[in-house]
Amino acid sequence: MADFIAPKGATGFRMEDGTRYDSSNCRVNVERPDHIKAIRRASANSGGIFVEAVVTGTTGGPSAVCEPCNWVGYAFSTACPRCGGPLTRKAA
């Protein structure tokens, strides 16, 4: 599955096989792998008319915190890369 950001004002688009994708707030959700490849290829050939949306967020898992400098690292880290202090594992 991939989310694409459509150009402003676009209401959607139709694939060559007739499948229609409607946009909601300029976002289009595409699930078929062959359509995702075709949209990426067409976008690259047209100067990036569709941009693939990047989803970010937290995983909610545990992390490791350096108490002296308050740096937050990965749960598997043992030493702070900033000050060299020990990292303490904290629950989410």
Protein backbone atom coordinates (compact mmCIF):
# COMPACT_ATOMS: atom_id res chain seq x y z
CA MET A 1 0.00 0.00 0.00
CA ALA A 2 1.20 3.51 -0.79
CA ASP A 3 -0.19 6.98 -0.24
CA PHE A 4 0.39 9.60 -2.89
CA ILE A 5 -0.12 13.34 -2.67
CA ALA A 6 -1.96 14.56 -5.76
CA PRO A 7 -1.53 18.02 -7.26
CA LYS A 8 -3.66 20.72 -5.66
CA GLY A 9 -7.17 20.69 -7.08
CA ALA A 10 -6.94 17.13 -8.42
CA THR A 11 -10.03 15.04 -7.71
CA GLY A 12 -8.40 11.74 -8.64
CA PHE A 13 -7.20 9.83 -11.68
CA ARG A 14 -7.96 6.78 -13.79
CA MET A 15 -5.46 4.03 -14.55
CA GLU A 16 -5.06 2.53 -18.04
CA ASP A 17 -7.09 -0.55 -16.99
CA GLY A 18 -10.01 1.70 -15.97
CA THR A 19 -9.47 1.63 -12.20
CA ARG A 20 -10.36 4.99 -10.68
CA TYR A 21 -8.64 6.47 -7.64
CA ASP A 22 -10.33 9.43 -5.95
CA SER A 23 -8.35 11.85 -3.83
CA SER A 24 -9.32 12.93 -0.36
CA ASN A 25 -7.61 16.19 0.67
CA CYS A 26 -5.13 15.65 -2.19
CA ARG A 27 -4.20 12.17 -0.89
CA VAL A 28 -4.69 9.00 -2.90
CA ASN A 29 -4.40 5.54 -1.33
CA VAL A 30 -3.24 2.86 -3.80
CA GLU A 31 -3.04 -0.81 -2.84
CA ARG A 32 -2.26 -2.66 -6.07
CA PRO A 33 1.52 -3.10 -6.53
CA ASP A 34 1.30 -2.80 -10.34
CA HIS A 35 -0.56 0.51 -10.01
CA ILE A 36 1.96 1.81 -7.45
CA LYS A 37 4.82 1.06 -9.88
CA ALA A 38 2.95 2.69 -12.77
CA ILE A 39 2.22 5.86 -10.73
CA ARG A 40 5.85 6.11 -9.59
CA ARG A 41 7.07 5.65 -13.17
CA ALA A 42 4.59 8.18 -14.60
CA SER A 43 5.42 10.68 -11.87
CA ALA A 44 9.16 10.34 -12.50
CA ASN A 45 8.62 10.83 -16.24
CA SER A 46 6.46 13.94 -15.68
CA GLY A 47 8.70 15.76 -13.23
CA GLY A 48 7.15 14.47 -10.01
CA ILE A 49 3.48 15.36 -10.42
CA PHE A 50 2.56 12.81 -7.72
CA VAL A 51 4.61 12.69 -4.54
CA GLU A 52 4.66 9.60 -2.38
CA ALA A 53 3.54 10.47 1.14
CA VAL A 54 5.92 9.56 3.93
CA VAL A 55 4.26 8.44 7.13
CA THR A 56 6.16 9.19 10.32
CA GLY A 57 5.37 8.62 13.94
CA THR A 58 6.44 6.86 17.05
CA THR A 59 6.29 3.13 17.51
CA GLY A 60 5.43 3.44 21.18
CA GLY A 61 8.15 1.01 22.19
CA PRO A 62 10.73 1.39 24.93
CA SER A 63 13.66 3.74 24.53
CA ALA A 64 16.99 4.34 26.23
CA VAL A 65 17.64 7.72 27.88
CA CYS A 66 20.92 9.31 28.96
CA GLU A 67 20.23 10.84 32.37
CA PRO A 68 23.13 13.37 32.31
CA CYS A 69 22.32 14.99 28.94
CA ASN A 70 18.71 13.82 28.38
CA TRP A 71 19.49 12.30 24.97
CA VAL A 72 16.98 9.64 23.83
CA GLY A 73 18.37 6.70 21.90
CA TYR A 74 17.33 3.32 20.62
CA ALA A 75 16.32 0.68 23.16
CA PHE A 76 19.28 -1.52 22.10
CA SER A 77 21.86 1.25 22.69
CA THR A 78 24.04 1.06 25.80
CA ALA A 79 26.16 4.24 25.64
CA CYS A 80 25.20 7.81 24.78
CA PRO A 81 26.80 9.00 21.53
CA ARG A 82 26.62 12.59 22.73
CA CYS A 83 28.35 12.46 26.12
CA GLY A 84 29.38 8.81 26.52
CA GLY A 85 27.20 8.28 29.60
CA PRO A 86 25.19 5.11 30.22
CA LEU A 87 21.70 4.80 28.75
CA THR A 88 18.87 3.75 31.02
CA ARG A 89 16.00 1.82 29.48
CA LYS A 90 12.62 3.49 29.95
CA ALA A 91 9.19 2.02 29.34
CA ALA A 92 6.95 3.67 26.76
